[in-house]
Amino acid sequence: MEHRTLSLVMLPPLLATLAGCATAPAAPPAIAATPAAIVFGSCPQKPAWPEAAQRERRRGSVGLAFLVGPDNAVLDAKVKASSGHADLDEAARTGLAKCKFKAATQNGQPVRDWAELKYVWTL
């Protein structure tokens, strides 16, 4: 029986080769996602101002968060930052319903995603 010895000089290249065999193949680069958005120009200039709020000259800003589904429909809408007036907040949500939306995409496929919008009520 013949014995062979491994030189210590050959050990680092051998380990490097073996380590290279154990690594996972690189994943293909992900295609950048596009966020959900309101279709530009699809919303009325401003939602209908509640009569009582207009008469009392109420002002404020309403921050809305809305979930757009893969079919471009709004699945949920929430007041994220209130104007301090329930009727202005609700009018902003109603105005949002009159807009058209574009779903977010991930790797070219439409997906659900949250987006935000701010209405400013000022006289």
C-alpha atoms as a PDB file:
ATOM      1  CA  MET A   1       0.000   0.000   0.000  1.00  0.00           C
ATOM      2  CA  GLU A   2       1.369   3.338  -1.011  1.00  0.00           C
ATOM      3  CA  HIS A   3       1.041   6.337   1.314  1.00  0.00           C
ATOM      4  CA  ARG A   4       0.960   9.878   0.104  1.00  0.00           C
ATOM      5  CA  THR A   5       1.499  12.866   2.260  1.00  0.00           C
ATOM      6  CA  LEU A   6      -0.068  16.237   1.712  1.00  0.00           C
ATOM      7  CA  SER A   7       2.269  19.133   1.834  1.00  0.00           C
ATOM      8  CA  LEU A   8       1.160  22.033   4.087  1.00  0.00           C
ATOM      9  CA  VAL A   9       1.946  24.355   1.184  1.00  0.00           C
ATOM     10  CA  MET A  10      -0.931  22.825  -0.795  1.00  0.00           C
ATOM     11  CA  LEU A  11      -3.446  23.116   2.059  1.00  0.00           C
ATOM     12  CA  PRO A  12      -4.560  26.785   1.594  1.00  0.00           C
ATOM     13  CA  PRO A  13      -5.372  26.392  -2.147  1.00  0.00           C
ATOM     14  CA  LEU A  14      -7.163  23.118  -1.419  1.00  0.00           C
ATOM     15  CA  LEU A  15      -9.277  24.703   1.330  1.00  0.00           C
ATOM     16  CA  ALA A  16     -10.069  27.674  -0.896  1.00  0.00           C
ATOM     17  CA  THR A  17     -11.256  25.314  -3.636  1.00  0.00           C
ATOM     18  CA  LEU A  18     -13.392  23.320  -1.215  1.00  0.00           C
ATOM     19  CA  ALA A  19     -14.857  26.505   0.292  1.00  0.00           C
ATOM     20  CA  GLY A  20     -15.793  27.705  -3.190  1.00  0.00           C
ATOM     21  CA  CYS A  21     -17.748  24.509  -3.764  1.00  0.00           C
ATOM     22  CA  ALA A  22     -19.810  25.072  -0.633  1.00  0.00           C
ATOM     23  CA  THR A  23     -21.053  28.567  -1.435  1.00  0.00           C
ATOM     24  CA  ALA A  24     -24.586  29.051  -2.721  1.00  0.00           C
ATOM     25  CA  PRO A  25     -24.993  30.339  -6.249  1.00  0.00           C
ATOM     26  CA  ALA A  26     -25.556  34.074  -6.476  1.00  0.00           C
ATOM     27  CA  ALA A  27     -29.217  35.100  -6.619  1.00  0.00           C
ATOM     28  CA  PRO A  28     -30.328  36.943  -9.735  1.00  0.00           C
ATOM     29  CA  PRO A  29     -30.590  40.690  -9.155  1.00  0.00           C
ATOM     30  CA  ALA A  30     -34.041  41.767  -8.000  1.00  0.00           C
ATOM     31  CA  ILE A  31     -35.942  44.149 -10.210  1.00  0.00           C
ATOM     32  CA  ALA A  32     -36.641  47.360  -8.319  1.00  0.00           C
ATOM     33  CA  ALA A  33     -40.139  47.705  -6.893  1.00  0.00           C
ATOM     34  CA  THR A  34     -42.371  50.620  -7.781  1.00  0.00           C
ATOM     35  CA  PRO A  35     -44.597  51.957  -5.004  1.00  0.00           C
ATOM     36  CA  ALA A  36     -48.373  52.256  -5.153  1.00  0.00           C
ATOM     37  CA  ALA A  37     -49.471  55.669  -6.384  1.00  0.00           C
ATOM     38  CA  ILE A  38     -52.379  57.852  -7.379  1.00  0.00           C
ATOM     39  CA  VAL A  39     -52.712  58.185 -11.146  1.00  0.00           C
ATOM     40  CA  PHE A  40     -51.617  61.747 -11.888  1.00  0.00           C
ATOM     41  CA  GLY A  41     -54.558  64.030 -12.735  1.00  0.00           C
ATOM     42  CA  SER A  42     -57.229  61.482 -11.754  1.00  0.00           C
ATOM     43  CA  CYS A  43     -58.361  63.245  -8.558  1.00  0.00           C
ATOM     44  CA  PRO A  44     -60.640  66.261  -8.363  1.00  0.00           C
ATOM     45  CA  GLN A  45     -58.775  69.446  -7.449  1.00  0.00           C
ATOM     46  CA  LYS A  46     -60.095  69.255  -3.910  1.00  0.00           C
ATOM     47  CA  PRO A  47     -62.761  67.141  -2.203  1.00  0.00           C
ATOM     48  CA  ALA A  48     -66.077  68.808  -1.417  1.00  0.00           C
ATOM     49  CA  TRP A  49     -65.633  71.048   1.606  1.00  0.00           C
ATOM     50  CA  PRO A  50     -68.132  70.178   4.353  1.00  0.00           C
ATOM     51  CA  GLU A  51     -70.671  73.010   4.642  1.00  0.00           C
ATOM     52  CA  ALA A  52     -70.369  73.417   8.405  1.00  0.00           C
ATOM     53  CA  ALA A  53     -66.548  73.422   8.198  1.00  0.00           C
ATOM     54  CA  GLN A  54     -66.601  76.056   5.480  1.00  0.00           C
ATOM     55  CA  ARG A  55     -69.122  78.207   7.332  1.00  0.00           C
ATOM     56  CA  GLU A  56     -67.019  78.003  10.525  1.00  0.00           C
ATOM     57  CA  ARG A  57     -63.815  78.559   8.499  1.00  0.00           C
ATOM     58  CA  ARG A  58     -62.172  75.397   9.854  1.00  0.00           C
ATOM     59  CA  ARG A  59     -58.714  74.588   8.573  1.00  0.00           C
ATOM     60  CA  GLY A  60     -56.262  71.732   8.950  1.00  0.00           C
ATOM     61  CA  SER A  61     -54.279  68.989   7.255  1.00  0.00           C
ATOM     62  CA  VAL A  62     -55.342  65.370   6.926  1.00  0.00           C
ATOM     63  CA  GLY A  63     -52.758  62.647   6.357  1.00  0.00           C
ATOM     64  CA  LEU A  64     -54.232  59.536   4.772  1.00  0.00           C
ATOM     65  CA  ALA A  65     -52.675  56.099   4.368  1.00  0.00           C
ATOM     66  CA  PHE A  66     -54.283  53.790   1.822  1.00  0.00           C
ATOM     67  CA  LEU A  67     -53.711  50.220   0.723  1.00  0.00           C
ATOM     68  CA  VAL A  68     -53.812  49.649  -3.037  1.00  0.00           C
ATOM     69  CA  GLY A  69     -54.422  46.085  -4.203  1.00  0.00           C
ATOM     70  CA  PRO A  70     -52.943  44.364  -7.259  1.00  0.00           C
ATOM     71  CA  ASP A  71     -56.125  45.240  -9.180  1.00  0.00           C
ATOM     72  CA  ASN A  72     -55.524  49.013  -8.583  1.00  0.00           C
ATOM     73  CA  ALA A  73     -58.437  49.241  -6.112  1.00  0.00           C
ATOM     74  CA  VAL A  74     -58.142  50.801  -2.648  1.00  0.00           C
ATOM     75  CA  LEU A  75     -58.609  48.008  -0.118  1.00  0.00           C
ATOM     76  CA  ASP A  76     -58.330  50.167   3.001  1.00  0.00           C
ATOM     77  CA  ALA A  77     -57.895  53.839   3.898  1.00  0.00           C
ATOM     78  CA  LYS A  78     -57.007  55.271   7.288  1.00  0.00           C
ATOM     79  CA  VAL A  79     -56.557  58.725   8.728  1.00  0.00           C
ATOM     80  CA  LYS A  80     -52.911  58.747   9.754  1.00  0.00           C
ATOM     81  CA  ALA A  81     -52.857  62.370  10.939  1.00  0.00           C
ATOM     82  CA  SER A  82     -56.137  64.087  11.775  1.00  0.00           C
ATOM     83  CA  SER A  83     -56.965  67.684  10.966  1.00  0.00           C
ATOM     84  CA  GLY A  84     -58.638  67.873  14.368  1.00  0.00           C
ATOM     85  CA  HIS A  85     -62.062  68.004  12.678  1.00  0.00           C
ATOM     86  CA  ALA A  86     -63.890  64.745  11.967  1.00  0.00           C
ATOM     87  CA  ASP A  87     -65.830  66.215   9.025  1.00  0.00           C
ATOM     88  CA  LEU A  88     -62.644  67.393   7.265  1.00  0.00           C
ATOM     89  CA  ASP A  89     -61.023  64.003   7.871  1.00  0.00           C
ATOM     90  CA  GLU A  90     -64.026  62.188   6.406  1.00  0.00           C
ATOM     91  CA  ALA A  91     -64.227  64.561   3.429  1.00  0.00           C
ATOM     92  CA  ALA A  92     -60.571  63.769   2.650  1.00  0.00           C
ATOM     93  CA  ARG A  93     -61.323  60.022   2.748  1.00  0.00           C
ATOM     94  CA  THR A  94     -64.320  60.562   0.462  1.00  0.00           C
ATOM     95  CA  GLY A  95     -62.186  62.615  -1.937  1.00  0.00           C
ATOM     96  CA  LEU A  96     -59.624  59.836  -2.057  1.00  0.00           C
ATOM     97  CA  ALA A  97     -62.321  57.432  -3.270  1.00  0.00           C
ATOM     98  CA  LYS A  98     -62.731  59.569  -6.428  1.00  0.00           C
ATOM     99  CA  CYS A  99     -59.138  59.017  -7.522  1.00  0.00           C
ATOM    100  CA  LYS A 100     -57.652  56.254  -9.659  1.00  0.00           C
ATOM    101  CA  PHE A 101     -54.682  54.259  -8.465  1.00  0.00           C
ATOM    102  CA  LYS A 102     -51.795  52.226  -9.775  1.00  0.00           C
ATOM    103  CA  ALA A 103     -50.677  49.149  -7.842  1.00  0.00           C
ATOM    104  CA  ALA A 104     -47.133  48.723  -6.642  1.00  0.00           C
ATOM    105  CA  THR A 105     -45.001  46.206  -8.496  1.00  0.00           C
ATOM    106  CA  GLN A 106     -42.345  43.769  -7.361  1.00  0.00           C
ATOM    107  CA  ASN A 107     -40.344  41.936 -10.011  1.00  0.00           C
ATOM    108  CA  GLY A 108     -42.800  43.218 -12.605  1.00  0.00           C
ATOM    109  CA  GLN A 109     -45.893  41.810 -10.857  1.00  0.00           C
ATOM    110  CA  PRO A 110     -48.591  43.958  -9.186  1.00  0.00           C
ATOM    111  CA  VAL A 111     -48.655  43.651  -5.383  1.00  0.00           C
ATOM    112  CA  ARG A 112     -50.495  45.200  -2.430  1.00  0.00           C
ATOM    113  CA  ASP A 113     -48.820  48.267  -0.957  1.00  0.00           C
ATOM    114  CA  TRP A 114     -49.562  51.201   1.322  1.00  0.00           C
ATOM    115  CA  ALA A 115     -49.201  54.769   0.083  1.00  0.00           C
ATOM    116  CA  GLU A 116     -49.847  58.155   1.674  1.00  0.00           C
ATOM    117  CA  LEU A 117     -51.516  61.421   0.745  1.00  0.00           C
ATOM    118  CA  LYS A 118     -51.980  64.722   2.539  1.00  0.00           C
ATOM    119  CA  TYR A 119     -54.965  67.045   2.056  1.00  0.00           C
ATOM    120  CA  VAL A 120     -54.545  70.605   3.283  1.00  0.00           C
ATOM    121  CA  TRP A 121     -57.777  72.434   4.083  1.00  0.00           C
ATOM    122  CA  THR A 122     -57.158  76.155   3.941  1.00  0.00           C
ATOM    123  CA  LEU A 123     -59.283  79.182   3.098  1.00  0.00           C
END
